[in-house]
Amino acid sequence: MAMSDERAGEVTGGIWLIGLGILFYTGMWWPGIMFVIGVSAVAQGLVEGRGWYSFQGGLWSIAIGIWAYYKFNMAIFFVALGVSMVVMALVRPPMFEKPKPFTDNTLE
Protein backbone atom coordinates (compact mmCIF):
# COMPACT_ATOMS: atom_id res chain seq x y z
CA MET A 1 0.00 0.00 0.00
CA ALA A 2 2.65 2.49 -1.01
CA MET A 3 1.33 6.05 -1.13
CA SER A 4 2.89 9.39 -1.85
CA ASP A 5 5.07 11.13 0.70
CA GLU A 6 2.30 13.65 1.25
CA ARG A 7 -0.20 10.93 2.17
CA ALA A 8 2.34 9.21 4.42
CA GLY A 9 2.88 12.51 6.24
CA GLU A 10 -0.86 12.98 6.65
CA VAL A 11 -1.29 9.51 8.16
CA THR A 12 1.67 9.98 10.48
CA GLY A 13 0.46 13.43 11.52
CA GLY A 14 -2.97 12.04 12.31
CA ILE A 15 -1.48 9.27 14.43
CA TRP A 16 0.65 11.83 16.30
CA LEU A 17 -2.38 13.98 17.03
CA ILE A 18 -4.41 11.00 18.26
CA GLY A 19 -1.45 9.83 20.37
CA LEU A 20 -0.84 13.25 21.88
CA GLY A 21 -4.56 13.58 22.66
CA ILE A 22 -4.46 10.26 24.50
CA LEU A 23 -1.31 11.32 26.36
CA PHE A 24 -2.90 14.62 27.41
CA TYR A 25 -6.01 12.78 28.58
CA THR A 26 -4.19 10.06 30.55
CA GLY A 27 -1.20 12.15 31.69
CA MET A 28 1.01 9.11 31.11
CA TRP A 29 3.77 10.88 29.16
CA TRP A 30 6.48 8.38 30.01
CA PRO A 31 6.56 5.75 28.57
CA GLY A 32 3.47 6.67 26.55
CA ILE A 33 5.48 8.80 24.13
CA MET A 34 7.48 5.68 23.19
CA PHE A 35 4.25 3.96 22.13
CA VAL A 36 3.27 6.96 19.99
CA ILE A 37 6.72 6.99 18.37
CA GLY A 38 6.55 3.25 17.68
CA VAL A 39 3.04 3.25 16.24
CA SER A 40 3.74 6.26 14.03
CA ALA A 41 7.00 4.70 12.74
CA VAL A 42 5.23 1.45 11.85
CA ALA A 43 2.34 3.28 10.19
CA GLN A 44 4.57 5.60 8.16
CA GLY A 45 6.74 2.71 7.00
CA LEU A 46 3.71 0.70 5.93
CA VAL A 47 2.14 3.63 4.10
CA GLU A 48 5.43 4.33 2.28
CA GLY A 49 5.79 0.62 1.42
CA ARG A 50 8.91 -0.04 3.50
CA GLY A 51 7.43 -3.03 5.39
CA TRP A 52 10.18 -4.74 7.37
CA TYR A 53 12.20 -1.62 8.09
CA SER A 54 9.24 0.16 9.61
CA PHE A 55 8.49 -2.74 11.92
CA GLN A 56 12.02 -3.07 13.23
CA GLY A 57 12.39 0.50 14.50
CA GLY A 58 8.77 0.90 15.52
CA LEU A 59 8.59 -2.33 17.47
CA TRP A 60 11.80 -1.52 19.28
CA SER A 61 10.33 1.82 20.35
CA ILE A 62 7.25 0.01 21.63
CA ALA A 63 9.45 -2.59 23.35
CA ILE A 64 11.40 0.17 25.13
CA GLY A 65 8.07 1.67 26.25
CA ILE A 66 6.92 -1.68 27.64
CA TRP A 67 10.29 -2.17 29.33
CA ALA A 68 10.03 1.28 30.95
CA TYR A 69 6.42 0.60 32.01
CA TYR A 70 7.60 -2.46 33.93
CA LYS A 71 10.28 -0.37 35.67
CA PHE A 72 13.17 -1.52 33.47
CA ASN A 73 12.87 -5.16 34.53
CA MET A 74 15.72 -7.10 32.94
CA ALA A 75 13.46 -10.09 32.24
CA ILE A 76 11.30 -7.91 29.97
CA PHE A 77 14.44 -6.67 28.22
CA PHE A 78 15.70 -10.17 27.52
CA VAL A 79 12.27 -11.34 26.33
CA ALA A 80 12.11 -8.38 23.91
CA LEU A 81 15.63 -9.09 22.69
CA GLY A 82 14.83 -12.78 22.20
CA VAL A 83 11.61 -12.04 20.32
CA SER A 84 13.52 -9.63 18.10
CA MET A 85 16.13 -12.29 17.31
CA VAL A 86 13.51 -14.93 16.51
CA VAL A 87 11.56 -12.56 14.26
CA MET A 88 14.79 -11.52 12.50
CA ALA A 89 15.67 -15.18 11.89
CA LEU A 90 12.22 -16.12 10.56
CA VAL A 91 11.19 -12.99 8.66
CA ARG A 92 14.47 -11.81 7.27
CA PRO A 93 14.36 -9.41 4.33
CA PRO A 94 16.15 -10.66 1.18
CA MET A 95 19.06 -8.24 1.49
CA PHE A 96 20.28 -10.01 4.65
CA GLU A 97 20.27 -13.50 3.16
CA LYS A 98 23.44 -15.13 1.92
CA PRO A 99 23.79 -15.01 -1.85
CA LYS A 100 23.52 -18.32 -3.65
CA PRO A 101 26.80 -19.61 -5.09
CA PHE A 102 27.30 -18.76 -8.73
CA THR A 103 28.59 -21.45 -11.05
CA ASP A 104 29.98 -20.37 -14.41
CA ASN A 105 29.01 -23.03 -16.96
CA THR A 106 30.07 -21.10 -20.07
CA LEU A 107 33.16 -23.27 -20.72
CA GLU A 108 31.26 -26.53 -20.90
PDB file of N, CA and C in Angstrom:
ATOM      1  N   MET A   1       0.824  -1.174   0.000  1.00  0.00           N
ATOM      2  CA  MET A   1       0.000   0.000   0.000  1.00  0.00           C
ATOM      3  C   MET A   1       0.877   1.248   0.000  1.00  0.00           C
ATOM      4  N   ALA A   2       1.768   1.337  -0.947  1.00  0.00           N
ATOM      5  CA  ALA A   2       2.646   2.492  -1.007  1.00  0.00           C
ATOM      6  C   ALA A   2       1.874   3.709  -1.499  1.00  0.00           C
ATOM      7  N   MET A   3       1.989   4.800  -0.771  1.00  0.00           N
ATOM      8  CA  MET A   3       1.328   6.050  -1.128  1.00  0.00           C
ATOM      9  C   MET A   3       2.391   7.114  -1.314  1.00  0.00           C
ATOM     10  N   SER A   4       1.956   8.287  -1.683  1.00  0.00           N
ATOM     11  CA  SER A   4       2.888   9.391  -1.851  1.00  0.00           C
ATOM     12  C   SER A   4       3.413   9.841  -0.487  1.00  0.00           C
ATOM     13  N   ASP A   5       4.499  10.604  -0.547  1.00  0.00           N
ATOM     14  CA  ASP A   5       5.074  11.128   0.697  1.00  0.00           C
ATOM     15  C   ASP A   5       4.090  12.034   1.423  1.00  0.00           C
ATOM     16  N   GLU A   6       3.277  12.753   0.646  1.00  0.00           N
ATOM     17  CA  GLU A   6       2.298  13.646   1.254  1.00  0.00           C
ATOM     18  C   GLU A   6       1.261  12.854   2.045  1.00  0.00           C
ATOM     19  N   ARG A   7       0.782  11.761   1.475  1.00  0.00           N
ATOM     20  CA  ARG A   7      -0.204  10.925   2.168  1.00  0.00           C
ATOM     21  C   ARG A   7       0.421  10.270   3.400  1.00  0.00           C
ATOM     22  N   ALA A   8       1.659   9.824   3.278  1.00  0.00           N
ATOM     23  CA  ALA A   8       2.340   9.215   4.424  1.00  0.00           C
ATOM     24  C   ALA A   8       2.470  10.219   5.556  1.00  0.00           C
ATOM     25  N   GLY A   9       2.786  11.467   5.218  1.00  0.00           N
ATOM     26  CA  GLY A   9       2.880  12.509   6.235  1.00  0.00           C
ATOM     27  C   GLY A   9       1.541  12.804   6.886  1.00  0.00           C
ATOM     28  N   GLU A  10       0.470  12.745   6.091  1.00  0.00           N
ATOM     29  CA  GLU A  10      -0.862  12.976   6.653  1.00  0.00           C
ATOM     30  C   GLU A  10      -1.254  11.870   7.632  1.00  0.00           C
ATOM     31  N   VAL A  11      -0.970  10.630   7.261  1.00  0.00           N
ATOM     32  CA  VAL A  11      -1.294   9.511   8.157  1.00  0.00           C
ATOM     33  C   VAL A  11      -0.477   9.606   9.441  1.00  0.00           C
ATOM     34  N   THR A  12       0.816   9.862   9.296  1.00  0.00           N
ATOM     35  CA  THR A  12       1.671   9.975  10.478  1.00  0.00           C
ATOM     36  C   THR A  12       1.255  11.145  11.359  1.00  0.00           C
ATOM     37  N   GLY A  13       0.925  12.276  10.749  1.00  0.00           N
ATOM     38  CA  GLY A  13       0.463  13.430  11.517  1.00  0.00           C
ATOM     39  C   GLY A  13      -0.820  13.132  12.280  1.00  0.00           C
ATOM     40  N   GLY A  14      -1.733  12.421  11.638  1.00  0.00           N
ATOM     41  CA  GLY A  14      -2.969  12.036  12.307  1.00  0.00           C
ATOM     42  C   GLY A  14      -2.723  11.124  13.494  1.00  0.00           C
ATOM     43  N   ILE A  15      -1.806  10.169  13.327  1.00  0.00           N
ATOM     44  CA  ILE A  15      -1.476   9.265  14.432  1.00  0.00           C
ATOM     45  C   ILE A  15      -0.837  10.040  15.573  1.00  0.00           C
ATOM     46  N   TRP A  16       0.025  11.008  15.250  1.00  0.00           N
ATOM     47  CA  TRP A  16       0.648  11.827  16.300  1.00  0.00           C
ATOM     48  C   TRP A  16      -0.392  12.626  17.068  1.00  0.00           C
ATOM     49  N   LEU A  17      -1.363  13.204  16.352  1.00  0.00           N
ATOM     50  CA  LEU A  17      -2.385  13.985  17.032  1.00  0.00           C
ATOM     51  C   LEU A  17      -3.258  13.105  17.928  1.00  0.00           C
ATOM     52  N   ILE A  18      -3.630  11.932  17.431  1.00  0.00           N
ATOM     53  CA  ILE A  18      -4.407  11.000  18.262  1.00  0.00           C
ATOM     54  C   ILE A  18      -3.587  10.582  19.481  1.00  0.00           C
ATOM     55  N   GLY A  19      -2.311  10.243  19.260  1.00  0.00           N
ATOM     56  CA  GLY A  19      -1.452   9.826  20.367  1.00  0.00           C
ATOM     57  C   GLY A  19      -1.252  10.917  21.400  1.00  0.00           C
ATOM     58  N   LEU A  20      -1.017  12.137  20.941  1.00  0.00           N
ATOM     59  CA  LEU A  20      -0.843  13.252  21.885  1.00  0.00           C
ATOM     60  C   LEU A  20      -2.129  13.534  22.644  1.00  0.00           C
ATOM     61  N   GLY A  21      -3.282  13.409  21.965  1.00  0.00           N
ATOM     62  CA  GLY A  21      -4.558  13.582  22.657  1.00  0.00           C
ATOM     63  C   GLY A  21      -4.738  12.557  23.765  1.00  0.00           C
ATOM     64  N   ILE A  22      -4.371  11.312  23.475  1.00  0.00           N
ATOM     65  CA  ILE A  22      -4.461  10.255  24.501  1.00  0.00           C
ATOM     66  C   ILE A  22      -3.499  10.543  25.646  1.00  0.00           C
ATOM     67  N   LEU A  23      -2.287  11.011  25.313  1.00  0.00           N
ATOM     68  CA  LEU A  23      -1.310  11.318  26.363  1.00  0.00           C
ATOM     69  C   LEU A  23      -1.770  12.484  27.233  1.00  0.00           C
ATOM     70  N   PHE A  24      -2.353  13.515  26.623  1.00  0.00           N
ATOM     71  CA  PHE A  24      -2.900  14.625  27.411  1.00  0.00           C
ATOM     72  C   PHE A  24      -4.024  14.138  28.325  1.00  0.00           C
ATOM     73  N   TYR A  25      -4.877  13.260  27.804  1.00  0.00           N
ATOM     74  CA  TYR A  25      -6.012  12.776  28.585  1.00  0.00           C
ATOM     75  C   TYR A  25      -5.566  11.905  29.756  1.00  0.00           C
ATOM     76  N   THR A  26      -4.617  10.995  29.501  1.00  0.00           N
ATOM     77  CA  THR A  26      -4.192  10.065  30.551  1.00  0.00           C
ATOM     78  C   THR A  26      -3.105  10.651  31.445  1.00  0.00           C
ATOM     79  N   GLY A  27      -2.312  11.593  30.929  1.00  0.00           N
ATOM     80  CA  GLY A  27      -1.204  12.145  31.691  1.00  0.00           C
ATOM     81  C   GLY A  27      -0.022  11.194  31.799  1.00  0.00           C
ATOM     82  N   MET A  28      -0.049  10.114  31.047  1.00  0.00           N
ATOM     83  CA  MET A  28       1.013   9.108  31.111  1.00  0.00           C
ATOM     84  C   MET A  28       2.052   9.392  30.015  1.00  0.00           C
ATOM     85  N   TRP A  29       2.824  10.461  30.200  1.00  0.00           N
ATOM     86  CA  TRP A  29       3.768  10.881  29.161  1.00  0.00           C
ATOM     87  C   TRP A  29       4.909   9.904  29.005  1.00  0.00           C
ATOM     88  N   TRP A  30       5.415   9.387  30.100  1.00  0.00           N
ATOM     89  CA  TRP A  30       6.477   8.383  30.008  1.00  0.00           C
ATOM     90  C   TRP A  30       5.931   7.095  30.550  1.00  0.00           C
ATOM     91  N   PRO A  31       5.973   6.052  29.870  1.00  0.00           N
ATOM     92  CA  PRO A  31       6.564   5.746  28.569  1.00  0.00           C
ATOM     93  C   PRO A  31       5.595   5.867  27.407  1.00  0.00           C
ATOM     94  N   GLY A  32       4.465   6.559  27.601  1.00  0.00           N
ATOM     95  CA  GLY A  32       3.468   6.671  26.548  1.00  0.00           C
ATOM     96  C   GLY A  32       3.994   7.252  25.252  1.00  0.00           C
ATOM     97  N   ILE A  33       4.929   8.190  25.347  1.00  0.00           N
ATOM     98  CA  ILE A  33       5.480   8.799  24.134  1.00  0.00           C
ATOM     99  C   ILE A  33       6.221   7.765  23.292  1.00  0.00           C
ATOM    100  N   MET A  34       6.796   6.739  23.937  1.00  0.00           N
ATOM    101  CA  MET A  34       7.475   5.681  23.191  1.00  0.00           C
ATOM    102  C   MET A  34       6.485   4.873  22.358  1.00  0.00           C
ATOM    103  N   PHE A  35       5.275   4.681  22.886  1.00  0.00           N
ATOM    104  CA  PHE A  35       4.250   3.962  22.132  1.00  0.00           C
ATOM    105  C   PHE A  35       3.802   4.780  20.928  1.00  0.00           C
ATOM    106  N   VAL A  36       3.665   6.086  21.107  1.00  0.00           N
ATOM    107  CA  VAL A  36       3.266   6.957  19.993  1.00  0.00           C
ATOM    108  C   VAL A  36       4.348   6.954  18.915  1.00  0.00           C
ATOM    109  N   ILE A  37       5.605   7.024  19.329  1.00  0.00           N
ATOM    110  CA  ILE A  37       6.718   6.986  18.371  1.00  0.00           C
ATOM    111  C   ILE A  37       6.707   5.668  17.609  1.00  0.00           C
ATOM    112  N   GLY A  38       6.541   4.568  18.323  1.00  0.00           N
ATOM    113  CA  GLY A  38       6.552   3.250  17.681  1.00  0.00           C
ATOM    114  C   GLY A  38       5.403   3.063  16.710  1.00  0.00           C
ATOM    115  N   VAL A  39       4.205   3.423  17.111  1.00  0.00           N
ATOM    116  CA  VAL A  39       3.040   3.251  16.238  1.00  0.00           C
ATOM    117  C   VAL A  39       3.156   4.143  15.008  1.00  0.00           C
ATOM    118  N   SER A  40       3.618   5.371  15.188  1.00  0.00           N
ATOM    119  CA  SER A  40       3.743   6.257  14.029  1.00  0.00           C
ATOM    120  C   SER A  40       4.842   5.780  13.079  1.00  0.00           C
ATOM    121  N   ALA A  41       5.929   5.217  13.608  1.00  0.00           N
ATOM    122  CA  ALA A  41       6.996   4.698  12.744  1.00  0.00           C
ATOM    123  C   ALA A  41       6.502   3.511  11.929  1.00  0.00           C
ATOM    124  N   VAL A  42       5.767   2.607  12.568  1.00  0.00           N
ATOM    125  CA  VAL A  42       5.228   1.445  11.852  1.00  0.00           C
ATOM    126  C   VAL A  42       4.239   1.908  10.783  1.00  0.00           C
ATOM    127  N   ALA A  43       3.347   2.818  11.141  1.00  0.00           N
ATOM    128  CA  ALA A  43       2.341   3.285  10.188  1.00  0.00           C
ATOM    129  C   ALA A  43       2.980   4.004   9.004  1.00  0.00           C
ATOM    130  N   GLN A  44       3.935   4.872   9.261  1.00  0.00           N
ATOM    131  CA  GLN A  44       4.566   5.598   8.162  1.00  0.00           C
ATOM    132  C   GLN A  44       5.331   4.643   7.252  1.00  0.00           C
ATOM    133  N   GLY A  45       6.023   3.680   7.822  1.00  0.00           N
ATOM    134  CA  GLY A  45       6.738   2.713   7.001  1.00  0.00           C
ATOM    135  C   GLY A  45       5.809   1.880   6.142  1.00  0.00           C
ATOM    136  N   LEU A  46       4.667   1.481   6.702  1.00  0.00           N
ATOM    137  CA  LEU A  46       3.711   0.697   5.928  1.00  0.00           C
ATOM    138  C   LEU A  46       3.081   1.525   4.813  1.00  0.00           C
ATOM    139  N   VAL A  47       2.755   2.772   5.110  1.00  0.00           N
ATOM    140  CA  VAL A  47       2.142   3.627   4.096  1.00  0.00           C
ATOM    141  C   VAL A  47       3.131   3.908   2.970  1.00  0.00           C
ATOM    142  N   GLU A  48       4.409   4.074   3.302  1.00  0.00           N
ATOM    143  CA  GLU A  48       5.428   4.325   2.276  1.00  0.00           C
ATOM    144  C   GLU A  48       5.873   3.048   1.577  1.00  0.00           C
ATOM    145  N   GLY A  49       5.428   1.880   2.054  1.00  0.00           N
ATOM    146  CA  GLY A  49       5.786   0.615   1.425  1.00  0.00           C
ATOM    147  C   GLY A  49       7.138   0.068   1.845  1.00  0.00           C
ATOM    148  N   ARG A  50       7.609   0.432   3.031  1.00  0.00           N
ATOM    149  CA  ARG A  50       8.910  -0.042   3.498  1.00  0.00           C
ATOM    150  C   ARG A  50       8.823  -1.314   4.323  1.00  0.00           C
ATOM    151  N   GLY A  51       7.651  -1.759   4.716  1.00  0.00           N
ATOM    152  CA  GLY A  51       7.426  -3.028   5.388  1.00  0.00           C
ATOM    153  C   GLY A  51       8.339  -3.341   6.554  1.00  0.00           C
ATOM    154  N   TRP A  52       9.313  -4.203   6.323  1.00  0.00           N
ATOM    155  CA  TRP A  52      10.183  -4.736   7.366  1.00  0.00           C
ATOM    156  C   TRP A  52      10.901  -3.638   8.135  1.00  0.00           C
ATOM    157  N   TYR A  53      11.401  -2.652   7.446  1.00  0.00           N
ATOM    158  CA  TYR A  53      12.202  -1.620   8.091  1.00  0.00           C
ATOM    159  C   TYR A  53      11.362  -0.767   9.038  1.00  0.00           C
ATOM    160  N   SER A  54      10.102  -0.596   8.715  1.00  0.00           N
ATOM    161  CA  SER A  54       9.237   0.159   9.615  1.00  0.00           C
ATOM    162  C   SER A  54       8.954  -0.623  10.882  1.00  0.00           C
ATOM    163  N   PHE A  55       8.777  -1.930  10.751  1.00  0.00           N
ATOM    164  CA  PHE A  55       8.492  -2.739  11.923  1.00  0.00           C
ATOM    165  C   PHE A  55       9.665  -2.794  12.882  1.00  0.00           C
ATOM    166  N   GLN A  56      10.855  -2.920  12.369  1.00  0.00           N
ATOM    167  CA  GLN A  56      12.023  -3.074  13.225  1.00  0.00           C
ATOM    168  C   GLN A  56      12.202  -1.885  14.167  1.00  0.00           C
ATOM    169  N   GLY A  57      12.217  -0.686  13.649  1.00  0.00           N
ATOM    170  CA  GLY A  57      12.386   0.499  14.496  1.00  0.00           C
ATOM    171  C   GLY A  57      11.171   0.787  15.358  1.00  0.00           C
ATOM    172  N   GLY A  58       9.991   0.632  14.776  1.00  0.00           N
ATOM    173  CA  GLY A  58       8.769   0.899  15.524  1.00  0.00           C
ATOM    174  C   GLY A  58       8.546  -0.069  16.666  1.00  0.00           C
ATOM    175  N   LEU A  59       8.783  -1.341  16.412  1.00  0.00           N
ATOM    176  CA  LEU A  59       8.587  -2.329  17.473  1.00  0.00           C
ATOM    177  C   LEU A  59       9.620  -2.188  18.578  1.00  0.00           C
ATOM    178  N   TRP A  60      10.822  -1.753  18.225  1.00  0.00           N
ATOM    179  CA  TRP A  60      11.805  -1.520  19.280  1.00  0.00           C
ATOM    180  C   TRP A  60      11.407  -0.327  20.140  1.00  0.00           C
ATOM    181  N   SER A  61      10.814   0.688  19.558  1.00  0.00           N
ATOM    182  CA  SER A  61      10.326   1.820  20.355  1.00  0.00           C
ATOM    183  C   SER A  61       9.216   1.367  21.299  1.00  0.00           C
ATOM    184  N   ILE A  62       8.312   0.542  20.780  1.00  0.00           N
ATOM    185  CA  ILE A  62       7.246   0.012  21.626  1.00  0.00           C
ATOM    186  C   ILE A  62       7.827  -0.891  22.710  1.00  0.00           C
ATOM    187  N   ALA A  63       8.821  -1.700  22.362  1.00  0.00           N
ATOM    188  CA  ALA A  63       9.451  -2.587  23.352  1.00  0.00           C
ATOM    189  C   ALA A  63      10.130  -1.780  24.458  1.00  0.00           C
ATOM    190  N   ILE A  64      10.777  -0.683  24.112  1.00  0.00           N
ATOM    191  CA  ILE A  64      11.398   0.172  25.132  1.00  0.00           C
ATOM    192  C   ILE A  64      10.323   0.774  26.026  1.00  0.00           C
ATOM    193  N   GLY A  65       9.182   1.152  25.450  1.00  0.00           N
ATOM    194  CA  GLY A  65       8.071   1.669  26.247  1.00  0.00           C
ATOM    195  C   GLY A  65       7.533   0.634  27.225  1.00  0.00           C
ATOM    196  N   ILE A  66       7.383  -0.601  26.755  1.00  0.00           N
ATOM    197  CA  ILE A  66       6.922  -1.683  27.642  1.00  0.00           C
ATOM    198  C   ILE A  66       7.947  -1.940  28.736  1.00  0.00           C
ATOM    199  N   TRP A  67       9.219  -1.943  28.357  1.00  0.00           N
ATOM    200  CA  TRP A  67      10.292  -2.167  29.327  1.00  0.00           C
ATOM    201  C   TRP A  67      10.277  -1.072  30.394  1.00  0.00           C
ATOM    202  N   ALA A  68      10.078   0.180  29.995  1.00  0.00           N
ATOM    203  CA  ALA A  68      10.025   1.278  30.954  1.00  0.00           C
ATOM    204  C   ALA A  68       8.776   1.174  31.823  1.00  0.00           C
ATOM    205  N   TYR A  69       7.660   0.738  31.248  1.00  0.00           N
ATOM    206  CA  TYR A  69       6.417   0.601  32.008  1.00  0.00           C
ATOM    207  C   TYR A  69       6.583  -0.410  33.144  1.00  0.00           C
ATOM    208  N   TYR A  70       7.351  -1.452  32.893  1.00  0.00           N
ATOM    209  CA  TYR A  70       7.605  -2.461  33.925  1.00  0.00           C
ATOM    210  C   TYR A  70       8.859  -2.155  34.727  1.00  0.00           C
ATOM    211  N   LYS A  71       9.196  -0.889  34.829  1.00  0.00           N
ATOM    212  CA  LYS A  71      10.283  -0.371  35.669  1.00  0.00           C
ATOM    213  C   LYS A  71      11.647  -0.968  35.311  1.00  0.00           C
ATOM    214  N   PHE A  72      11.899  -1.075  34.020  1.00  0.00           N
ATOM    215  CA  PHE A  72      13.172  -1.525  33.468  1.00  0.00           C
ATOM    216  C   PHE A  72      13.585  -2.895  34.013  1.00  0.00           C
ATOM    217  N   ASN A  73      12.622  -3.790  34.089  1.00  0.00           N
ATOM    218  CA  ASN A  73      12.867  -5.159  34.527  1.00  0.00           C
ATOM    219  C   ASN A  73      13.711  -5.865  33.461  1.00  0.00           C
ATOM    220  N   MET A  74      14.804  -6.462  33.886  1.00  0.00           N
ATOM    221  CA  MET A  74      15.720  -7.103  32.939  1.00  0.00           C
ATOM    222  C   MET A  74      15.080  -8.298  32.242  1.00  0.00           C
ATOM    223  N   ALA A  75      14.140  -8.964  32.890  1.00  0.00           N
ATOM    224  CA  ALA A  75      13.463 -10.088  32.244  1.00  0.00           C
ATOM    225  C   ALA A  75      12.703  -9.610  31.011  1.00  0.00           C
ATOM    226  N   ILE A  76      12.028  -8.478  31.112  1.00  0.00           N
ATOM    227  CA  ILE A  76      11.300  -7.915  29.973  1.00  0.00           C
ATOM    228  C   ILE A  76      12.277  -7.563  28.852  1.00  0.00           C
ATOM    229  N   PHE A  77      13.427  -7.011  29.217  1.00  0.00           N
ATOM    230  CA  PHE A  77      14.440  -6.667  28.216  1.00  0.00           C
ATOM    231  C   PHE A  77      14.907  -7.896  27.456  1.00  0.00           C
ATOM    232  N   PHE A  78      15.210  -8.974  28.182  1.00  0.00           N
ATOM    233  CA  PHE A  78      15.703 -10.175  27.520  1.00  0.00           C
ATOM    234  C   PHE A  78      14.619 -10.852  26.685  1.00  0.00           C
ATOM    235  N   VAL A  79      13.370 -10.793  27.135  1.00  0.00           N
ATOM    236  CA  VAL A  79      12.274 -11.340  26.328  1.00  0.00           C
ATOM    237  C   VAL A  79      12.149 -10.542  25.029  1.00  0.00           C
ATOM    238  N   ALA A  80      12.198  -9.213  25.108  1.00  0.00           N
ATOM    239  CA  ALA A  80      12.106  -8.380  23.909  1.00  0.00           C
ATOM    240  C   ALA A  80      13.272  -8.646  22.959  1.00  0.00           C
ATOM    241  N   LEU A  81      14.454  -8.797  23.504  1.00  0.00           N
ATOM    242  CA  LEU A  81      15.630  -9.091  22.692  1.00  0.00           C
ATOM    243  C   LEU A  81      15.499 -10.455  22.021  1.00  0.00           C
ATOM    244  N   GLY A  82      15.022 -11.446  22.769  1.00  0.00           N
ATOM    245  CA  GLY A  82      14.828 -12.783  22.202  1.00  0.00           C
ATOM    246  C   GLY A  82      13.774 -12.803  21.118  1.00  0.00           C
ATOM    247  N   VAL A  83      12.662 -12.110  21.342  1.00  0.00           N
ATOM    248  CA  VAL A  83      11.613 -12.039  20.322  1.00  0.00           C
ATOM    249  C   VAL A  83      12.152 -11.368  19.063  1.00  0.00           C
ATOM    250  N   SER A  84      12.932 -10.316  19.241  1.00  0.00           N
ATOM    251  CA  SER A  84      13.520  -9.632  18.098  1.00  0.00           C
ATOM    252  C   SER A  84      14.436 -10.559  17.303  1.00  0.00           C
ATOM    253  N   MET A  85      15.227 -11.365  17.995  1.00  0.00           N
ATOM    254  CA  MET A  85      16.128 -12.290  17.309  1.00  0.00           C
ATOM    255  C   MET A  85      15.359 -13.369  16.558  1.00  0.00           C
ATOM    256  N   VAL A  86      14.303 -13.898  17.170  1.00  0.00           N
ATOM    257  CA  VAL A  86      13.506 -14.934  16.512  1.00  0.00           C
ATOM    258  C   VAL A  86      12.815 -14.370  15.278  1.00  0.00           C
ATOM    259  N   VAL A  87      12.234 -13.186  15.406  1.00  0.00           N
ATOM    260  CA  VAL A  87      11.562 -12.564  14.262  1.00  0.00           C
ATOM    261  C   VAL A  87      12.568 -12.281  13.151  1.00  0.00           C
ATOM    262  N   MET A  88      13.758 -11.801  13.509  1.00  0.00           N
ATOM    263  CA  MET A  88      14.789 -11.523  12.504  1.00  0.00           C
ATOM    264  C   MET A  88      15.222 -12.796  11.784  1.00  0.00           C
ATOM    265  N   ALA A  89      15.273 -13.918  12.507  1.00  0.00           N
ATOM    266  CA  ALA A  89      15.672 -15.180  11.887  1.00  0.00           C
ATOM    267  C   ALA A  89      14.587 -15.732  10.967  1.00  0.00           C
ATOM    268  N   LEU A  90      13.312 -15.532  11.331  1.00  0.00           N
ATOM    269  CA  LEU A  90      12.222 -16.123  10.561  1.00  0.00           C
ATOM    270  C   LEU A  90      11.714 -15.228   9.438  1.00  0.00           C
ATOM    271  N   VAL A  91      11.759 -13.924   9.627  1.00  0.00           N
ATOM    272  CA  VAL A  91      11.190 -12.992   8.657  1.00  0.00           C
ATOM    273  C   VAL A  91      12.283 -12.048   8.186  1.00  0.00           C
ATOM    274  N   ARG A  92      13.321 -12.607   7.686  1.00  0.00           N
ATOM    275  CA  ARG A  92      14.470 -11.812   7.268  1.00  0.00           C
ATOM    276  C   ARG A  92      14.241 -11.249   5.865  1.00  0.00           C
ATOM    277  N   PRO A  93      14.498  -9.967   5.679  1.00  0.00           N
ATOM    278  CA  PRO A  93      14.363  -9.412   4.328  1.00  0.00           C
ATOM    279  C   PRO A  93      15.447  -9.983   3.411  1.00  0.00           C
ATOM    280  N   PRO A  94      15.213 -10.007   2.101  1.00  0.00           N
ATOM    281  CA  PRO A  94      16.150 -10.657   1.180  1.00  0.00           C
ATOM    282  C   PRO A  94      17.553 -10.076   1.186  1.00  0.00           C
ATOM    283  N   MET A  95      17.712  -8.808   1.546  1.00  0.00           N
ATOM    284  CA  MET A  95      19.057  -8.244   1.485  1.00  0.00           C
ATOM    285  C   MET A  95      19.986  -8.802   2.561  1.00  0.00           C
ATOM    286  N   PHE A  96      19.443  -9.466   3.604  1.00  0.00           N
ATOM    287  CA  PHE A  96      20.278 -10.015   4.654  1.00  0.00           C
ATOM    288  C   PHE A  96      20.572 -11.500   4.457  1.00  0.00           C
ATOM    289  N   GLU A  97      20.019 -12.100   3.417  1.00  0.00           N
ATOM    290  CA  GLU A  97      20.265 -13.503   3.162  1.00  0.00           C
ATOM    291  C   GLU A  97      21.591 -13.673   2.426  1.00  0.00           C
ATOM    292  N   LYS A  98      22.195 -14.849   2.611  1.00  0.00           N
ATOM    293  CA  LYS A  98      23.441 -15.132   1.919  1.00  0.00           C
ATOM    294  C   LYS A  98      23.153 -15.330   0.436  1.00  0.00           C
ATOM    295  N   PRO A  99      24.014 -14.800  -0.421  1.00  0.00           N
ATOM    296  CA  PRO A  99      23.788 -15.015  -1.853  1.00  0.00           C
ATOM    297  C   PRO A  99      24.056 -16.475  -2.219  1.00  0.00           C
ATOM    298  N   LYS A 100      23.316 -16.945  -3.193  1.00  0.00           N
ATOM    299  CA  LYS A 100      23.516 -18.320  -3.652  1.00  0.00           C
ATOM    300  C   LYS A 100      24.808 -18.388  -4.444  1.00  0.00           C
ATOM    301  N   PRO A 101      25.544 -19.502  -4.337  1.00  0.00           N
ATOM    302  CA  PRO A 101      26.798 -19.607  -5.088  1.00  0.00           C
ATOM    303  C   PRO A 101      26.543 -19.561  -6.597  1.00  0.00           C
ATOM    304  N   PHE A 102      27.422 -18.887  -7.288  1.00  0.00           N
ATOM    305  CA  PHE A 102      27.301 -18.757  -8.730  1.00  0.00           C
ATOM    306  C   PHE A 102      28.266 -19.723  -9.386  1.00  0.00           C
ATOM    307  N   THR A 103      27.756 -20.509 -10.310  1.00  0.00           N
ATOM    308  CA  THR A 103      28.595 -21.451 -11.051  1.00  0.00           C
ATOM    309  C   THR A 103      28.624 -21.002 -12.500  1.00  0.00           C
ATOM    310  N   ASP A 104      29.817 -20.801 -13.015  1.00  0.00           N
ATOM    311  CA  ASP A 104      29.977 -20.375 -14.414  1.00  0.00           C
ATOM    312  C   ASP A 104      30.061 -21.623 -15.290  1.00  0.00           C
ATOM    313  N   ASN A 105      29.048 -21.856 -16.093  1.00  0.00           N
ATOM    314  CA  ASN A 105      29.006 -23.027 -16.964  1.00  0.00           C
ATOM    315  C   ASN A 105      29.267 -22.663 -18.421  1.00  0.00           C
ATOM    316  N   THR A 106      29.878 -21.542 -18.697  1.00  0.00           N
ATOM    317  CA  THR A 106      30.071 -21.105 -20.067  1.00  0.00           C
ATOM    318  C   THR A 106      31.140 -21.899 -20.784  1.00  0.00           C
ATOM    319  N   LEU A 107      32.074 -22.525 -20.077  1.00  0.00           N
ATOM    320  CA  LEU A 107      33.159 -23.267 -20.717  1.00  0.00           C
ATOM    321  C   LEU A 107      32.757 -24.687 -21.083  1.00  0.00           C
ATOM    322  N   GLU A 108      31.650 -25.137 -20.630  1.00  0.00           N
ATOM    323  CA  GLU A 108      31.265 -26.529 -20.897  1.00  0.00           C
ATOM    324  C   GLU A 108      30.597 -26.687 -22.228  1.00  0.00           C
TER     325      GLU A 108
END
